[in-house]
Amino acid sequence: MRSIGEMARDSGLGVSALRFYDRAGVLVPARVDPVSGYRWYAPEQLDEARLLARLRRAGMPLADVRLVLAGWSSADSDLVRGLLQAHLRRLELGLADARSEFSTLRALLDHRENPMSTSSGTVTVRLSVPAAELAAALDAVRFAAGADPELPVLGGVLFDVEDDVLRVVATDRYRLAVARVGTTGHGGPRVQVVVPAPLADAMRALLSGDEPVRFTVDGDRVTLETGDRQAAGQCLAYDFPDYRRLVHLPSGRRVLVDVPAFRKALETGPVRAGEAREQGGASHDLSVLRVADDGTVTVCEDGDDAPDNVALDRGFLLDALAAGARDRLILEFGAPTAPLAVRRTDDEDAFSLLMPVRLDT
């Protein structure tokens, strides 16, 4: 007999997925311990679990999956072939529809005006920025910059200047971070530039003192100067997404956490395996969080599938805690499908958002 953990490891289905398929009557364990409720699977069920994993990766509806498994075990090849062919036709029709919609969307994009307030292409902006504040802002957002070559615009840090405020922003779709710095010398209309991540890192390396530094936007070129040193280069020639639409979340439950203790709980607590985000990508560990009635945040044990639990990429959450740079931070929980906000107690203009991961299959 295989334990549920061994079955998950060998089949490619997570433990929570196996529990889900048991409750749905799709893949029922051969034996369930009457005292502990622990599930055990017969050796021949491994092939069924692997088949189930393939069917679900192909997006087959659960009702059809149930029939395929039944036909597979009874050697009813006509039923199985018919169901597979019908699903393949649905996928092909869906792909054709999606191609048509995307073709229309591309045409709309080609004729759409740039909504940004001010393009940096012909603008010159000179700012004076406190070095320590800019360093802290870059430290607060850099972890969220993307590395997907198919989305190069997310591989940089947005410098968003309006009036006497500079906001720096980074996102890779799964997390977003924003920080705010006061400036002098501009006081004008909004200007946005996307600084490539390597150049942002070079700028950060210059920010070692307390004196103000000079930040200049000249067309598509940006320069940071401090004393007789500078870091300069070309901006990314892309428009950054409107992050302001992403940060207006419905109010949620706010919990103050002791960061060192919470970090230790994450690092030593149970994790669940998450699926790869991109095709060919690596899997990632998930931490499942629950907020108790007294405001305590706990890392759930495997098997705790309460509907209000929130599953997050553990590495991303640890990065966000480090970027928060405080011993106490506020975690703001909304719905299980809403982003988790990580906020500072003394500066809520510096925060990060982490997208949750669905546990059901």
Protein backbone atom coordinates (compact mmCIF):
# COMPACT_ATOMS: atom_id res chain seq x y z
CA MET A 1 0.00 0.00 0.00
CA ARG A 2 1.14 3.54 -0.73
CA SER A 3 0.66 6.43 1.66
CA ILE A 4 -0.96 9.58 0.32
CA GLY A 5 2.43 11.31 0.44
CA GLU A 6 4.09 8.57 -1.61
CA MET A 7 1.19 8.62 -4.06
CA ALA A 8 1.52 12.38 -4.47
CA ARG A 9 5.25 12.12 -5.05
CA ASP A 10 5.01 9.32 -7.63
CA SER A 11 1.89 10.42 -9.50
CA GLY A 12 2.42 14.14 -9.97
CA LEU A 13 -0.79 14.98 -8.08
CA GLY A 14 -0.52 17.03 -4.91
CA VAL A 15 -1.78 15.74 -1.58
CA SER A 16 -4.59 18.29 -1.59
CA ALA A 17 -5.52 17.18 -5.14
CA LEU A 18 -5.68 13.54 -4.05
CA ARG A 19 -7.99 14.51 -1.20
CA PHE A 20 -10.13 16.48 -3.64
CA TYR A 21 -10.44 13.52 -6.02
CA ASP A 22 -11.30 11.24 -3.11
CA ARG A 23 -14.13 13.56 -2.02
CA ALA A 24 -15.29 13.79 -5.65
CA GLY A 25 -15.37 9.99 -5.94
CA VAL A 26 -12.88 10.00 -8.83
CA LEU A 27 -9.91 8.28 -7.19
CA VAL A 28 -10.97 6.73 -3.90
CA PRO A 29 -8.22 5.27 -1.68
CA ALA A 30 -8.18 1.50 -1.23
CA ARG A 31 -8.20 1.97 2.53
CA VAL A 32 -8.85 4.81 4.97
CA ASP A 33 -7.70 4.42 8.57
CA PRO A 34 -10.89 4.55 10.67
CA VAL A 35 -9.14 6.33 13.53
CA SER A 36 -6.74 8.80 11.89
CA GLY A 37 -8.54 9.16 8.54
CA TYR A 38 -5.23 8.60 6.76
CA ARG A 39 -5.54 7.43 3.17
CA TRP A 40 -3.75 4.42 1.68
CA TYR A 41 -3.65 3.46 -2.00
CA ALA A 42 -3.24 0.08 -3.67
CA PRO A 43 -0.23 -0.36 -6.00
CA GLU A 44 -2.43 -0.58 -9.11
CA GLN A 45 -3.94 2.83 -8.32
CA LEU A 46 -0.67 4.56 -9.19
CA ASP A 47 -1.32 4.11 -12.92
CA GLU A 48 -4.83 5.55 -12.46
CA ALA A 49 -3.41 8.56 -10.59
CA ARG A 50 -0.86 9.21 -13.33
CA LEU A 51 -3.58 8.96 -15.96
CA LEU A 52 -5.73 11.34 -13.93
CA ALA A 53 -2.86 13.83 -13.70
CA ARG A 54 -2.40 13.77 -17.48
CA LEU A 55 -6.09 14.24 -18.16
CA ARG A 56 -6.32 17.21 -15.81
CA ARG A 57 -3.19 18.81 -17.28
CA ALA A 58 -4.95 18.52 -20.64
CA GLY A 59 -7.90 20.40 -19.13
CA MET A 60 -10.46 17.61 -19.40
CA PRO A 61 -13.64 18.28 -17.39
CA LEU A 62 -14.01 16.25 -14.23
CA ALA A 63 -17.17 14.51 -15.46
CA ASP A 64 -15.31 13.21 -18.51
CA VAL A 65 -12.29 12.25 -16.43
CA ARG A 66 -14.54 10.06 -14.30
CA LEU A 67 -15.79 8.22 -17.41
CA VAL A 68 -12.30 7.81 -18.89
CA LEU A 69 -11.05 6.21 -15.69
CA ALA A 70 -14.07 3.91 -15.62
CA GLY A 71 -13.60 2.95 -19.26
CA TRP A 72 -9.84 2.50 -18.77
CA SER A 73 -10.29 0.06 -15.91
CA SER A 74 -12.92 -1.93 -17.86
CA ALA A 75 -10.89 -1.92 -21.09
CA ASP A 76 -13.71 -0.06 -22.87
CA SER A 77 -11.43 1.50 -25.47
CA ASP A 78 -14.28 2.81 -27.64
CA LEU A 79 -15.59 4.94 -24.78
CA VAL A 80 -12.13 6.20 -23.87
CA ARG A 81 -11.17 7.03 -27.46
CA GLY A 82 -14.47 8.82 -28.01
CA LEU A 83 -14.06 10.94 -24.89
CA LEU A 84 -10.45 11.82 -25.76
CA GLN A 85 -11.39 12.76 -29.32
CA ALA A 86 -14.34 14.88 -28.16
CA HIS A 87 -12.13 16.77 -25.71
CA LEU A 88 -9.48 17.31 -28.38
CA ARG A 89 -12.13 18.83 -30.67
CA ARG A 90 -13.22 21.16 -27.88
CA LEU A 91 -9.64 22.24 -27.36
CA GLU A 92 -9.14 22.88 -31.08
CA LEU A 93 -12.34 24.92 -31.30
CA GLY A 94 -11.38 26.84 -28.19
CA LEU A 95 -7.94 27.56 -29.62
CA ALA A 96 -9.46 28.79 -32.87
CA ASP A 97 -11.79 31.11 -30.94
CA ALA A 98 -8.90 32.33 -28.79
CA ARG A 99 -6.77 33.06 -31.87
CA SER A 100 -9.61 35.10 -33.36
CA GLU A 101 -10.05 37.10 -30.15
CA PHE A 102 -6.33 37.71 -29.81
CA SER A 103 -6.12 38.85 -33.42
CA THR A 104 -8.84 41.40 -32.68
CA LEU A 105 -7.08 42.51 -29.49
CA ARG A 106 -3.80 43.03 -31.33
CA ALA A 107 -5.58 45.14 -33.94
CA LEU A 108 -7.12 47.24 -31.17
CA LEU A 109 -3.71 47.68 -29.56
CA ASP A 110 -2.18 48.77 -32.86
CA HIS A 111 -4.74 51.58 -33.17
CA ARG A 112 -4.89 52.51 -29.53
CA GLU A 113 -3.36 55.71 -28.24
CA ASN A 114 -0.84 55.56 -25.41
CA PRO A 115 -2.78 56.45 -22.21
CA MET A 116 0.23 57.66 -20.24
CA SER A 117 0.16 61.25 -19.07
CA THR A 118 3.57 62.14 -20.40
CA SER A 119 5.97 60.17 -22.57
CA SER A 120 9.63 60.34 -21.65
CA GLY A 121 10.69 60.41 -25.31
CA THR A 122 11.09 64.20 -25.53
CA VAL A 123 11.10 65.13 -21.85
CA THR A 124 13.95 66.24 -19.61
CA VAL A 125 13.43 65.84 -15.88
CA ARG A 126 15.94 66.57 -13.12
CA LEU A 127 15.30 65.53 -9.54
CA SER A 128 17.11 65.66 -6.26
CA VAL A 129 16.40 62.56 -4.17
CA PRO A 130 17.62 61.63 -0.66
CA ALA A 131 20.08 58.78 -1.18
CA ALA A 132 19.01 56.77 1.86
CA GLU A 133 15.32 57.01 0.95
CA LEU A 134 15.91 55.97 -2.65
CA ALA A 135 18.07 53.07 -1.50
CA ALA A 136 15.31 51.91 0.85
CA ALA A 137 12.71 52.24 -1.90
CA LEU A 138 14.73 50.16 -4.35
CA ASP A 139 15.35 47.54 -1.67
CA ALA A 140 11.61 47.39 -1.03
CA VAL A 141 10.67 46.63 -4.65
CA ARG A 142 13.61 44.99 -6.39
CA PHE A 143 12.61 41.44 -5.36
CA ALA A 144 9.38 41.73 -7.36
CA ALA A 145 10.97 42.53 -10.75
CA GLY A 146 10.28 39.93 -13.42
CA ALA A 147 12.71 37.71 -15.30
CA ASP A 148 10.46 36.32 -18.04
CA PRO A 149 12.11 36.99 -21.44
CA GLU A 150 8.68 37.02 -23.08
CA LEU A 151 7.66 40.00 -20.89
CA PRO A 152 10.72 42.27 -20.98
CA VAL A 153 8.76 45.29 -19.73
CA LEU A 154 8.43 43.55 -16.36
CA GLY A 155 12.19 43.05 -16.21
CA GLY A 156 12.73 46.59 -14.97
CA VAL A 157 11.78 49.01 -12.22
CA LEU A 158 9.27 51.74 -12.96
CA PHE A 159 10.28 55.26 -11.88
CA ASP A 160 7.00 57.19 -11.75
CA VAL A 161 7.48 60.92 -11.12
CA GLU A 162 4.59 63.28 -10.45
CA ASP A 163 4.83 66.67 -8.75
CA ASP A 164 7.37 66.19 -5.94
CA VAL A 165 6.85 62.42 -5.50
CA LEU A 166 8.79 59.53 -6.99
CA ARG A 167 7.24 56.08 -6.82
CA VAL A 168 9.27 53.01 -7.71
CA VAL A 169 7.36 49.91 -8.73
CA ALA A 170 8.18 46.37 -9.80
CA THR A 171 6.03 43.37 -10.67
CA ASP A 172 6.39 39.92 -12.23
CA ARG A 173 2.59 39.29 -12.30
CA TYR A 174 2.66 37.07 -9.20
CA ARG A 175 3.87 39.83 -6.87
CA LEU A 176 3.97 43.61 -6.99
CA ALA A 177 5.87 46.08 -4.82
CA VAL A 178 5.54 49.85 -4.50
CA ALA A 179 7.58 52.41 -2.56
CA ARG A 180 7.42 56.20 -2.35
CA VAL A 181 10.19 58.83 -2.12
CA GLY A 182 9.91 62.61 -1.74
CA THR A 183 11.87 64.68 -4.27
CA THR A 184 12.69 68.25 -5.17
CA GLY A 185 13.33 69.92 -8.49
CA HIS A 186 10.46 68.70 -10.67
CA GLY A 187 7.00 69.62 -9.43
CA GLY A 188 5.57 69.08 -12.89
CA PRO A 189 3.39 66.64 -14.84
CA ARG A 190 3.68 62.90 -14.59
CA VAL A 191 6.65 61.19 -16.26
CA GLN A 192 7.30 57.45 -16.24
CA VAL A 193 10.40 55.54 -17.26
CA VAL A 194 11.21 51.85 -16.91
CA VAL A 195 14.79 51.33 -15.75
CA PRO A 196 16.27 47.91 -16.65
CA ALA A 197 16.91 45.79 -13.58
CA PRO A 198 20.72 45.69 -14.05
CA LEU A 199 20.83 49.48 -14.29
CA ALA A 200 18.59 49.78 -11.22
CA ASP A 201 21.06 47.53 -9.38
CA ALA A 202 23.96 49.73 -10.51
CA MET A 203 22.11 52.78 -9.21
CA ARG A 204 21.46 51.07 -5.90
CA ALA A 205 25.18 50.34 -5.53
CA LEU A 206 25.92 54.09 -5.59
CA LEU A 207 23.47 54.91 -2.80
CA SER A 208 25.76 54.53 0.19
CA GLY A 209 25.64 58.01 1.73
CA ASP A 210 23.05 60.34 3.20
CA GLU A 211 23.45 63.25 0.78
CA PRO A 212 20.87 63.85 -1.96
CA VAL A 213 21.61 62.36 -5.37
CA ARG A 214 20.63 63.66 -8.79
CA PHE A 215 18.29 61.64 -10.98
CA THR A 216 17.87 62.79 -14.58
CA VAL A 217 15.58 61.66 -17.37
CA ASP A 218 16.71 62.96 -20.75
CA GLY A 219 14.59 61.49 -23.51
CA ASP A 220 15.07 57.72 -23.33
CA ARG A 221 18.19 57.93 -21.15
CA VAL A 222 18.35 57.98 -17.33
CA THR A 223 21.28 58.97 -15.11
CA LEU A 224 21.86 58.78 -11.37
CA GLU A 225 24.72 60.92 -10.08
CA THR A 226 26.26 61.04 -6.64
CA GLY A 227 29.42 63.07 -6.19
CA ASP A 228 31.72 62.21 -9.08
CA ARG A 229 30.12 58.82 -9.73
CA GLN A 230 27.20 57.98 -11.94
CA ALA A 231 25.15 55.12 -13.36
CA ALA A 232 23.49 55.79 -16.70
CA GLY A 233 21.78 53.90 -19.50
CA GLN A 234 18.80 53.54 -21.78
CA CYS A 235 15.26 53.12 -20.50
CA LEU A 236 13.26 50.11 -21.62
CA ALA A 237 11.19 51.06 -24.65
CA TYR A 238 7.94 49.75 -23.20
CA ASP A 239 4.93 51.12 -21.36
CA PHE A 240 4.63 49.77 -17.84
CA PRO A 241 1.17 48.47 -16.85
CA ASP A 242 -1.02 50.83 -14.84
CA TYR A 243 -0.12 49.56 -11.39
CA ARG A 244 -2.62 51.93 -9.77
CA ARG A 245 -5.44 49.70 -10.99
CA LEU A 246 -3.86 46.76 -9.18
CA VAL A 247 -3.32 48.23 -5.73
CA HIS A 248 -6.90 49.27 -4.90
CA LEU A 249 -8.04 46.23 -2.96
CA PRO A 250 -11.20 45.84 -0.90
CA SER A 251 -10.47 46.25 2.77
CA GLY A 252 -9.49 43.04 4.47
CA ARG A 253 -8.47 41.73 7.85
CA ARG A 254 -5.26 43.36 9.06
CA VAL A 255 -2.93 41.36 11.30
CA LEU A 256 0.27 42.57 12.94
CA VAL A 257 2.99 39.90 12.84
CA ASP A 258 6.33 39.57 14.57
CA VAL A 259 8.54 39.11 11.52
CA PRO A 260 11.40 37.02 13.02
CA ALA A 261 8.96 34.56 14.62
CA PHE A 262 6.76 34.42 11.51
CA ARG A 263 9.79 33.89 9.27
CA LYS A 264 10.92 30.99 11.45
CA ALA A 265 7.44 29.46 11.29
CA LEU A 266 7.52 29.68 7.48
CA GLU A 267 11.04 28.27 7.16
CA THR A 268 10.42 25.31 9.47
CA GLY A 269 6.70 24.78 8.90
CA PRO A 270 4.93 22.42 6.49
CA VAL A 271 4.87 23.17 2.78
CA ARG A 272 2.91 21.87 -0.15
CA ALA A 273 4.13 21.40 -3.67
CA GLY A 274 2.79 23.93 -6.17
CA GLU A 275 2.63 23.44 -9.92
CA ALA A 276 5.05 25.23 -12.22
CA ARG A 277 3.79 28.69 -13.24
CA GLU A 278 5.22 28.62 -16.73
CA GLN A 279 5.59 25.79 -19.18
CA GLY A 280 8.87 24.10 -18.37
CA GLY A 281 9.22 26.07 -15.14
CA ALA A 282 10.19 24.67 -11.77
CA SER A 283 7.64 23.77 -9.13
CA HIS A 284 7.50 25.87 -5.98
CA ASP A 285 6.74 25.34 -2.31
CA LEU A 286 3.53 26.74 -0.89
CA SER A 287 2.82 27.85 2.66
CA VAL A 288 -0.85 27.76 3.63
CA LEU A 289 -1.86 30.46 6.12
CA ARG A 290 -4.85 30.77 8.41
CA VAL A 291 -5.87 33.72 10.58
CA ALA A 292 -7.31 32.67 13.94
CA ASP A 293 -10.05 34.60 15.71
CA ASP A 294 -7.46 36.17 18.03
CA GLY A 295 -5.46 37.52 15.05
CA THR A 296 -2.74 34.88 15.16
CA VAL A 297 -1.40 33.79 11.78
CA THR A 298 -0.49 30.12 11.62
CA VAL A 299 1.15 27.98 8.96
CA CYS A 300 -1.33 25.17 8.37
CA GLU A 301 -0.47 21.52 8.62
CA ASP A 302 -0.90 19.35 5.56
CA GLY A 303 -4.52 18.33 5.43
CA ASP A 304 -5.94 21.58 6.74
CA ASP A 305 -8.07 22.68 3.80
CA ALA A 306 -10.39 25.20 5.44
CA PRO A 307 -12.03 27.44 2.81
CA ASP A 308 -10.59 30.66 4.25
CA ASN A 309 -6.99 29.46 4.15
CA VAL A 310 -4.62 31.33 1.84
CA ALA A 311 -1.86 29.52 -0.06
CA LEU A 312 1.20 31.52 -1.10
CA ASP A 313 4.57 30.88 -2.66
CA ARG A 314 6.75 30.51 0.42
CA GLY A 315 9.84 31.98 -1.26
CA PHE A 316 7.90 35.03 -2.42
CA LEU A 317 6.47 35.58 1.06
CA LEU A 318 9.92 35.33 2.65
CA ASP A 319 11.24 37.84 0.08
CA ALA A 320 8.40 40.25 0.86
CA LEU A 321 9.10 40.01 4.60
CA ALA A 322 12.77 40.78 3.99
CA ALA A 323 11.90 43.69 1.70
CA GLY A 324 9.61 45.08 4.38
CA ALA A 325 12.74 45.65 6.49
CA ARG A 326 10.87 45.84 9.79
CA ASP A 327 10.52 43.58 12.84
CA ARG A 328 6.77 44.08 12.69
CA LEU A 329 4.68 44.16 9.54
CA ILE A 330 0.99 44.18 8.74
CA LEU A 331 -0.47 41.33 6.71
CA GLU A 332 -3.77 42.26 5.11
CA PHE A 333 -5.92 39.29 4.17
CA GLY A 334 -8.89 39.61 1.84
CA ALA A 335 -10.70 36.72 0.18
CA PRO A 336 -8.65 33.53 -0.36
CA THR A 337 -8.42 34.50 -4.05
CA ALA A 338 -7.39 38.13 -3.39
CA PRO A 339 -3.76 39.27 -3.13
CA LEU A 340 -2.15 39.33 0.31
CA ALA A 341 -0.82 42.78 1.17
CA VAL A 342 2.37 43.14 3.22
CA ARG A 343 2.55 46.64 4.68
CA ARG A 344 4.82 48.58 7.01
CA THR A 345 3.38 49.97 10.21
CA ASP A 346 5.17 53.31 9.81
CA ASP A 347 4.92 53.80 6.04
CA GLU A 348 1.99 52.25 4.21
CA ASP A 349 3.17 53.83 0.96
CA ALA A 350 5.76 51.02 0.88
CA PHE A 351 3.99 47.70 0.43
CA SER A 352 3.92 44.53 -1.62
CA LEU A 353 1.12 42.34 -2.94
CA LEU A 354 1.40 38.58 -3.39
CA MET A 355 -1.00 36.60 -5.54
CA PRO A 356 -2.47 33.52 -3.81
CA VAL A 357 -2.29 30.04 -5.32
CA ARG A 358 -5.37 27.86 -5.64
CA LEU A 359 -5.15 24.61 -3.73
CA ASP A 360 -8.03 22.80 -5.41
CA THR A 361 -7.62 21.18 -8.78
